[in-house]
Structures are given as C-alpha cells and as structure tokens.
Amino acid sequence: MTISKNSVTVLANHLKKNPDSKVIFLVGAGASTSCGIPDFRSPKTGLYHNLSKLNLPYAEAVFDVDYFKENPKPFYTLAKELYPGNFKPSEFHYLMKLFEDKGRLKRIYTQNIDTLEREAGISSELVIEAHGSFASNHCIECAKEFPLSVFKDKLDSANAKGEFSYAKCSECKGLIKPKIVFFGENLPEAFFNTWDDDVEWLSKRHNATEDLIIVAGTSLTVHPFASLPSEVPDTSRRGLFNLGLVGDFEDNPRDDDIFIEGLLDEIAHKLATELGWLEELELLIKAENEQIPELVKELEKLELKSSNNESEKKNLITLDKARKENKDDNDVNDKKTE
C-alpha cells in the first residue's frame, strides 16, 4: 500500500499516465460534513448523538420503519433540517463533477441521502444512492409513488410548536416518506444490479489495471456497502481518501492500494492542483454557485414597467444597488482566482 506524504502525487500520476482510465467513487458522509451536514456516528458531533432532543427510544429509531409508523414526528423534524436546498455541495462534490466533465467518471455510489451529488450537477444516471435519498417519495404500505411536493408541503406546514400534519397515501392512507432506506427496508435493486454490472465491466476491461475505485469519507461499517471494496477485482486499483484506514483497506490491504489521509475538500484541492485542473474546478464551483439574489430577480420584473410611481422608482434604485453589490462581489471573486 502506498502511504506517504506524496500519495496525492502518486494517484495523480496514475491518472495522467492512464488517460483512458475511469474512476468509480464509493462515497460516505465525510463528503458532506464540510457542507454543514453531520455524519451519523462521530462522538458528540454525529447525527445520532444530536438526536436526544427528539426523545427517541434509541438513536437509530429515527430511521426505523416500524417506529416511523407509530411516530413520524422525529423523522419529519430531522427531514426538515436536512432537506435538499438547505446545503450546498462541497469542493469534493464538484471535483467528482469535474471527473464527469473530463469523461473520466464511471459511477458514484453514495451512502448519503442529501442529493448533493445531483445538486453539483452530476448526471443522475451516474449516481447510485445506495441508501436512497429525498429525490422521490413513496407510500410505505402500497409503494405508490408521489411527487416531491406531497411530502415537502407537509414539512413546510409545521406550526410554531413544530407539529406536522403527515403526508398520507391517496389510495391506502399509508404514510408517505422519501425513498430513504430505513431499517427494515431493502436497499434499491439498482444498487445491487448496477454494482454487479460495474464489477463485471471492470473484470472484462483489457486495461482494467488503469481504472481506479476511490473510497472516500466513510467508516465502512454499514453493510452491504462496506463490503464493496473487497469485491473490486484485483486487476483494478483502489484508493482511500479518509481520516484513517478502514474496512478492507485495514483488514486486507493490497500492495497497490493508495491511501490519502485527510479531509476530502483538502484532498480534492490538492488532487485538482496535481492534475492541473484547479482553475477549472474553481470556475466550476463559481459557475454553479453564482446566482442572482432573489430580490434582484423580483425587481427585474419591475424594471420592465415604465411608470413614474414613486414606489417603483424606489424599487429600481434598490435594483441598481443590488446589481452593483452583486457586481462588486463578482469582481472580488475574480481577483481571488487571478
């Protein structure tokens, strides 16, 4: 196993020497912690540790389908906090997007339910959400699927005391929830089928030794996801981006494994630098995050109206100010990237 201060260089050189190689990412909660989303198991800061306010019989009950049937409120409370749109993708997410743009991404398997891979602009067909996500909803009794708004509207309807009215199926009156895999539910068939296909694809590649499977930001303790690295064909090379050795990298290390220790955003920055992709990564992040403030969007509509009304004049003044502030921010960002 390659463990040194130059491990990033080793991995970057492998990618540069093998321009036709593809990368498969196996991603855990560490990809999203810098976005403000806590992981599940870290002492004192993990999600399970912080669920005491929900008065659960045990922390994992928030994701237990039987407990959800009895008391949906804890999950609704958690879902309102974690719902997509509350967080932005990390630098590591955008690095994976850049791998796609470069034609080097084969697949992303993620344990995360936050949909940040999608929000980073990565094509949905390249993302396998092993534990499901907020991206779709279904009835837990009859499996009928419902639009996102059916569940989201209920989240937004919480009163001042944090009480919810719950989304229920129009057919059987069962509870509706996002297609997040709870304890007591099966993982999506797409997870197993696609992984089997990708392993077969790797095993049949004439240049499979060039391909990389990168495990990133996970403790590799939850099965069956935790077993995936051990199923990677010996002909393909494995990499681990993590705070420590875990799972098969610790128990059954391979001679050509590459371990890069650290936080994922820092590793992403260093790897992009080594590959000569840093400017493109920074431009990608800027392009994806650069949005006109909602105030400006609304006031743009007013600009199209010709009127001497004093209140509209004030609105246009506010618009000019907002535009100027937005331009100044962009000028500052441009200088930072020069």
Protein backbone atom coordinates (compact mmCIF):
# COMPACT_ATOMS: atom_id res chain seq x y z
CA MET A 1 0.00 0.00 0.00
CA THR A 2 1.19 3.49 -0.86
CA ILE A 3 1.14 5.60 2.31
CA SER A 4 3.29 8.70 2.15
CA LYS A 5 3.14 12.46 2.03
CA ASN A 6 3.27 12.10 -1.76
CA SER A 7 0.24 9.80 -2.09
CA VAL A 8 -1.75 12.53 -3.89
CA THR A 9 1.06 12.79 -6.43
CA VAL A 10 1.10 9.00 -6.86
CA LEU A 11 -2.63 8.92 -7.57
CA ALA A 12 -2.48 11.95 -9.87
CA ASN A 13 0.40 10.42 -11.82
CA HIS A 14 -1.58 7.21 -12.22
CA LEU A 15 -4.49 9.17 -13.73
CA LYS A 16 -2.19 11.18 -16.00
CA LYS A 17 -0.31 8.13 -17.23
CA ASN A 18 -3.60 6.36 -17.98
CA PRO A 19 -5.77 8.92 -19.80
CA ASP A 20 -8.36 6.31 -20.80
CA SER A 21 -8.89 5.11 -17.24
CA LYS A 22 -12.22 5.52 -15.47
CA VAL A 23 -12.95 6.23 -11.81
CA ILE A 24 -15.66 4.78 -9.59
CA PHE A 25 -16.26 6.64 -6.32
CA LEU A 26 -17.66 4.97 -3.20
CA VAL A 27 -18.70 7.89 -1.01
CA GLY A 28 -19.72 8.27 2.63
CA ALA A 29 -20.82 11.02 4.99
CA GLY A 30 -17.37 12.63 5.00
CA ALA A 31 -18.19 14.16 1.62
CA SER A 32 -20.92 16.30 3.15
CA THR A 33 -19.67 17.24 6.63
CA SER A 34 -18.00 20.40 5.30
CA CYS A 35 -21.41 21.40 3.88
CA GLY A 36 -22.76 21.54 7.44
CA ILE A 37 -24.37 18.08 7.43
CA PRO A 38 -23.17 16.00 10.38
CA ASP A 39 -22.17 12.39 9.89
CA PHE A 40 -24.02 9.73 11.84
CA ARG A 41 -21.59 8.18 14.28
CA SER A 42 -18.95 10.71 15.33
CA PRO A 43 -18.89 11.15 19.14
CA LYS A 44 -20.51 14.39 20.37
CA THR A 45 -20.99 15.84 16.86
CA GLY A 46 -22.60 12.97 14.95
CA LEU A 47 -26.24 12.96 13.92
CA TYR A 48 -27.20 10.14 16.27
CA HIS A 49 -25.60 11.95 19.21
CA ASN A 50 -27.61 15.09 18.44
CA LEU A 51 -30.98 13.34 18.28
CA SER A 52 -31.55 13.33 22.04
CA LYS A 53 -33.93 16.29 21.67
CA LEU A 54 -36.33 14.04 19.76
CA ASN A 55 -36.84 11.73 22.76
CA LEU A 56 -36.22 8.59 20.76
CA PRO A 57 -36.11 5.17 22.46
CA TYR A 58 -32.75 4.70 20.64
CA ALA A 59 -30.98 6.92 18.12
CA GLU A 60 -31.47 4.68 15.10
CA ALA A 61 -35.25 4.70 15.67
CA VAL A 62 -35.46 7.85 13.54
CA PHE A 63 -34.74 5.58 10.57
CA ASP A 64 -36.76 2.58 11.74
CA VAL A 65 -39.80 1.95 9.55
CA ASP A 66 -41.84 0.41 12.38
CA TYR A 67 -41.14 3.34 14.67
CA PHE A 68 -41.97 5.75 11.83
CA LYS A 69 -45.41 4.13 11.55
CA GLU A 70 -46.00 4.79 15.26
CA ASN A 71 -44.47 8.25 15.43
CA PRO A 72 -43.46 10.07 12.22
CA LYS A 73 -42.58 13.32 14.01
CA PRO A 74 -38.87 12.60 14.73
CA PHE A 75 -38.17 11.82 11.09
CA TYR A 76 -40.15 14.85 9.93
CA THR A 77 -38.14 17.03 12.31
CA LEU A 78 -34.88 15.61 11.00
CA ALA A 79 -36.03 15.78 7.36
CA LYS A 80 -36.92 19.46 7.69
CA GLU A 81 -33.36 20.15 8.87
CA LEU A 82 -31.63 18.00 6.23
CA TYR A 83 -33.92 18.61 3.24
CA PRO A 84 -32.19 19.41 -0.09
CA GLY A 85 -31.76 23.10 -0.67
CA ASN A 86 -30.57 23.76 2.87
CA PHE A 87 -26.97 22.91 1.97
CA LYS A 88 -24.57 23.45 -0.93
CA PRO A 89 -22.21 20.85 -2.42
CA SER A 90 -18.61 20.69 -1.23
CA GLU A 91 -15.41 21.12 -3.19
CA PHE A 92 -15.14 17.32 -3.27
CA HIS A 93 -18.59 17.05 -4.88
CA TYR A 94 -17.51 19.46 -7.58
CA LEU A 95 -14.30 17.51 -8.14
CA MET A 96 -16.43 14.44 -8.90
CA LYS A 97 -18.45 16.61 -11.30
CA LEU A 98 -15.19 17.64 -12.98
CA PHE A 99 -14.28 13.96 -13.40
CA GLU A 100 -17.57 13.60 -15.28
CA ASP A 101 -16.86 16.65 -17.42
CA LYS A 102 -13.44 15.19 -18.27
CA GLY A 103 -15.01 11.90 -19.33
CA ARG A 104 -13.26 10.06 -16.51
CA LEU A 105 -16.23 9.18 -14.26
CA LYS A 106 -17.75 5.72 -14.48
CA ARG A 107 -20.03 5.84 -11.44
CA ILE A 108 -20.63 7.26 -7.98
CA TYR A 109 -22.04 5.03 -5.26
CA THR A 110 -23.06 7.17 -2.31
CA GLN A 111 -24.30 6.30 1.15
CA ASN A 112 -25.59 9.84 1.55
CA ILE A 113 -29.24 10.83 1.32
CA ASP A 114 -28.62 14.56 0.83
CA THR A 115 -28.68 14.55 -3.03
CA LEU A 116 -25.62 16.85 -3.11
CA GLU A 117 -24.14 14.86 -6.00
CA ARG A 118 -27.20 15.84 -8.05
CA GLU A 119 -27.01 19.43 -6.84
CA ALA A 120 -23.40 19.60 -8.00
CA GLY A 121 -24.72 18.88 -11.48
CA ILE A 122 -23.57 15.26 -11.79
CA SER A 123 -25.76 13.28 -14.20
CA SER A 124 -28.33 11.22 -12.33
CA GLU A 125 -27.56 8.07 -14.35
CA LEU A 126 -24.01 8.12 -12.93
CA VAL A 127 -25.18 8.34 -9.30
CA ILE A 128 -26.37 5.33 -7.31
CA GLU A 129 -27.83 6.34 -3.95
CA ALA A 130 -27.30 3.12 -2.01
CA HIS A 131 -29.48 4.22 0.90
CA GLY A 132 -31.99 6.14 -1.18
CA SER A 133 -32.49 9.89 -0.95
CA PHE A 134 -35.00 12.72 -0.79
CA ALA A 135 -35.23 12.66 -4.59
CA SER A 136 -38.51 10.67 -4.67
CA ASN A 137 -41.39 9.71 -2.36
CA HIS A 138 -43.46 6.59 -1.86
CA CYS A 139 -46.16 5.11 0.38
CA ILE A 140 -44.62 2.70 2.90
CA GLU A 141 -47.68 0.42 2.68
CA CYS A 142 -48.55 0.08 -1.03
CA ALA A 143 -45.36 1.57 -2.59
CA LYS A 144 -47.33 4.09 -4.71
CA GLU A 145 -45.03 6.94 -5.74
CA PHE A 146 -45.87 10.61 -5.23
CA PRO A 147 -44.46 13.97 -6.39
CA LEU A 148 -41.83 15.61 -4.22
CA SER A 149 -44.26 18.37 -3.26
CA VAL A 150 -46.57 15.96 -1.42
CA PHE A 151 -44.00 15.39 1.32
CA LYS A 152 -42.26 18.78 1.11
CA ASP A 153 -45.52 20.70 1.56
CA LYS A 154 -46.14 18.83 4.82
CA LEU A 155 -42.64 19.68 6.04
CA ASP A 156 -43.25 23.34 5.32
CA SER A 157 -46.61 23.30 7.09
CA ALA A 158 -45.18 22.76 10.59
CA ASN A 159 -46.69 25.14 13.14
CA ALA A 160 -44.82 27.22 15.70
CA LYS A 161 -44.65 24.24 18.07
CA GLY A 162 -43.05 22.05 15.42
CA GLU A 163 -46.17 19.94 14.92
CA PHE A 164 -46.76 18.45 11.48
CA SER A 165 -49.67 17.12 9.51
CA TYR A 166 -48.40 13.97 7.85
CA ALA A 167 -48.44 13.05 4.17
CA LYS A 168 -50.72 10.07 3.55
CA CYS A 169 -51.41 7.91 0.52
CA SER A 170 -54.47 8.75 -1.54
CA GLU A 171 -55.01 5.03 -2.20
CA CYS A 172 -54.46 3.18 1.09
CA LYS A 173 -53.97 6.05 3.60
CA GLY A 174 -50.50 4.74 4.48
CA LEU A 175 -47.75 7.17 5.41
CA ILE A 176 -45.70 8.73 2.63
CA LYS A 177 -41.98 9.26 3.08
CA PRO A 178 -38.94 9.91 0.89
CA LYS A 179 -37.35 6.82 -0.62
CA ILE A 180 -34.66 6.77 2.04
CA VAL A 181 -33.84 3.24 3.11
CA PHE A 182 -34.97 2.69 6.69
CA PHE A 183 -34.04 -0.20 8.93
CA GLY A 184 -36.48 -2.93 7.95
CA GLU A 185 -36.45 -1.94 4.27
CA ASN A 186 -34.43 -3.33 1.38
CA LEU A 187 -31.78 -1.35 -0.46
CA PRO A 188 -32.73 -0.30 -4.01
CA GLU A 189 -32.37 -3.04 -6.61
CA ALA A 190 -30.45 -0.56 -8.75
CA PHE A 191 -27.68 -0.57 -6.15
CA PHE A 192 -27.08 -4.31 -6.43
CA ASN A 193 -27.70 -4.61 -10.15
CA THR A 194 -25.52 -1.68 -11.15
CA TRP A 195 -22.69 -2.74 -8.87
CA ASP A 196 -22.73 -6.26 -10.32
CA ASP A 197 -22.66 -4.77 -13.82
CA ASP A 198 -19.77 -2.44 -12.94
CA VAL A 199 -17.73 -5.23 -11.34
CA GLU A 200 -18.25 -7.34 -14.45
CA TRP A 201 -17.30 -4.35 -16.61
CA LEU A 202 -14.07 -3.92 -14.61
CA SER A 203 -13.20 -7.60 -14.84
CA LYS A 204 -13.58 -7.58 -18.64
CA ARG A 205 -11.63 -4.40 -19.27
CA HIS A 206 -8.42 -5.07 -21.20
CA ASN A 207 -6.83 -2.13 -19.43
CA ALA A 208 -8.56 -2.66 -16.07
CA THR A 209 -5.31 -2.06 -14.18
CA GLU A 210 -5.64 1.58 -15.20
CA ASP A 211 -9.08 2.04 -13.59
CA LEU A 212 -9.45 3.41 -10.08
CA ILE A 213 -12.02 2.73 -7.37
CA ILE A 214 -11.81 5.57 -4.84
CA VAL A 215 -13.43 5.10 -1.44
CA ALA A 216 -13.98 8.47 0.24
CA GLY A 217 -15.15 9.71 3.62
CA THR A 218 -16.68 6.57 5.10
CA SER A 219 -16.14 4.32 8.11
CA LEU A 220 -17.09 1.24 6.04
CA THR A 221 -19.14 -0.17 8.90
CA VAL A 222 -22.59 -0.43 7.31
CA HIS A 223 -23.19 -3.45 5.10
CA PRO A 224 -23.65 -4.26 2.30
CA PHE A 225 -21.95 -1.01 1.23
CA ALA A 226 -18.96 -1.77 3.47
CA SER A 227 -18.22 -4.94 1.51
CA LEU A 228 -17.88 -3.22 -1.88
CA PRO A 229 -14.12 -2.52 -1.70
CA SER A 230 -13.42 -6.21 -1.09
CA GLU A 231 -15.36 -7.06 -4.26
CA VAL A 232 -13.23 -4.85 -6.50
CA PRO A 233 -11.34 -7.11 -8.96
CA ASP A 234 -7.63 -7.50 -8.22
CA THR A 235 -6.95 -6.13 -11.68
CA SER A 236 -8.24 -2.68 -10.67
CA ARG A 237 -6.52 -0.28 -8.30
CA ARG A 238 -8.11 1.02 -5.12
CA GLY A 239 -7.70 4.36 -3.38
CA LEU A 240 -8.88 5.55 0.03
CA PHE A 241 -9.47 9.23 0.90
CA ASN A 242 -10.19 9.24 4.62
CA LEU A 243 -9.14 10.31 8.10
CA GLY A 244 -7.91 6.76 8.78
CA LEU A 245 -7.66 3.24 7.45
CA VAL A 246 -11.00 1.42 7.50
CA GLY A 247 -12.66 -1.78 6.34
CA ASP A 248 -10.88 -3.89 3.76
CA PHE A 249 -8.09 -1.31 3.44
CA GLU A 250 -7.17 -2.06 7.03
CA ASP A 251 -8.04 -5.77 7.18
CA ASN A 252 -6.88 -6.90 3.73
CA PRO A 253 -4.70 -4.17 2.19
CA ARG A 254 -3.44 -4.65 -1.35
CA ASP A 255 0.08 -3.80 -2.41
CA ASP A 256 -1.07 -1.19 -4.92
CA ASP A 257 -3.69 0.50 -2.67
CA ILE A 258 -3.25 4.26 -2.34
CA PHE A 259 -4.21 5.84 0.99
CA ILE A 260 -4.53 9.62 1.20
CA GLU A 261 -5.20 10.80 4.75
CA GLY A 262 -7.15 13.98 5.38
CA LEU A 263 -10.37 15.90 4.88
CA LEU A 264 -12.00 15.40 1.49
CA ASP A 265 -12.12 19.05 0.43
CA GLU A 266 -8.41 19.42 1.16
CA ILE A 267 -7.65 16.25 -0.79
CA ALA A 268 -9.86 17.46 -3.68
CA HIS A 269 -7.95 20.75 -3.82
CA LYS A 270 -4.55 19.03 -3.80
CA LEU A 271 -5.57 16.43 -6.38
CA ALA A 272 -7.02 19.08 -8.72
CA THR A 273 -3.76 21.01 -8.38
CA GLU A 274 -1.65 17.94 -9.19
CA LEU A 275 -3.83 17.15 -12.22
CA GLY A 276 -3.70 20.73 -13.49
CA TRP A 277 -7.47 21.05 -13.00
CA LEU A 278 -7.56 23.60 -10.18
CA GLU A 279 -8.59 26.61 -12.29
CA GLU A 280 -11.36 24.57 -13.92
CA LEU A 281 -12.54 23.33 -10.52
CA GLU A 282 -12.70 26.85 -9.12
CA LEU A 283 -14.55 28.10 -12.19
CA LEU A 284 -17.00 25.20 -11.92
CA ILE A 285 -17.72 25.97 -8.28
CA LYS A 286 -18.15 29.65 -9.08
CA ALA A 287 -20.47 28.96 -12.02
CA GLU A 288 -22.67 26.57 -10.04
CA ASN A 289 -22.94 28.83 -7.00
CA GLU A 290 -23.22 32.18 -8.77
CA GLN A 291 -26.88 33.07 -8.54
CA ILE A 292 -28.62 36.47 -8.68
CA PRO A 293 -30.25 37.22 -5.32
CA GLU A 294 -34.00 36.67 -5.22
CA LEU A 295 -34.54 40.37 -4.57
CA VAL A 296 -32.86 41.24 -7.86
CA LYS A 297 -34.91 38.62 -9.73
CA GLU A 298 -38.15 40.11 -8.47
CA LEU A 299 -37.09 43.67 -9.09
CA GLU A 300 -36.03 42.86 -12.65
CA LYS A 301 -39.71 42.42 -13.44
CA LEU A 302 -40.44 45.91 -12.18
CA GLU A 303 -37.73 47.39 -14.39
CA LEU A 304 -39.70 46.36 -17.47
CA LYS A 305 -42.59 48.60 -16.47
CA SER A 306 -42.49 52.26 -17.35
CA SER A 307 -44.01 54.22 -14.53
CA ASN A 308 -43.50 57.42 -12.59
CA ASN A 309 -44.93 55.87 -9.44
CA GLU A 310 -42.66 56.82 -6.55
CA SER A 311 -42.66 53.37 -5.01
CA GLU A 312 -41.49 51.81 -8.31
CA LYS A 313 -38.74 54.40 -8.53
CA LYS A 314 -37.55 53.28 -5.10
CA ASN A 315 -37.65 49.67 -6.28
CA LEU A 316 -35.48 50.50 -9.30
CA ILE A 317 -32.99 52.29 -7.06
CA THR A 318 -32.86 49.17 -4.90
CA LEU A 319 -32.34 47.08 -8.04
CA ASP A 320 -29.38 49.18 -9.15
CA LYS A 321 -27.88 48.88 -5.68
CA ALA A 322 -28.37 45.12 -5.63
CA ARG A 323 -26.81 44.78 -9.06
CA LYS A 324 -23.83 46.88 -8.03
CA GLU A 325 -23.30 44.79 -4.89
CA ASN A 326 -23.55 41.62 -6.97
CA LYS A 327 -21.03 43.02 -9.50
CA ASP A 328 -18.65 44.05 -6.69
CA ASP A 329 -18.83 40.54 -5.22
CA ASN A 330 -18.04 39.03 -8.62
CA ASP A 331 -15.11 41.45 -9.10
CA VAL A 332 -13.68 40.39 -5.73
CA ASN A 333 -14.10 36.70 -6.61
CA ASP A 334 -12.46 37.27 -9.99
CA LYS A 335 -9.45 38.86 -8.31
CA LYS A 336 -9.15 35.91 -5.94
CA THR A 337 -8.94 33.50 -8.88
CA GLU A 338 -6.40 35.55 -10.84
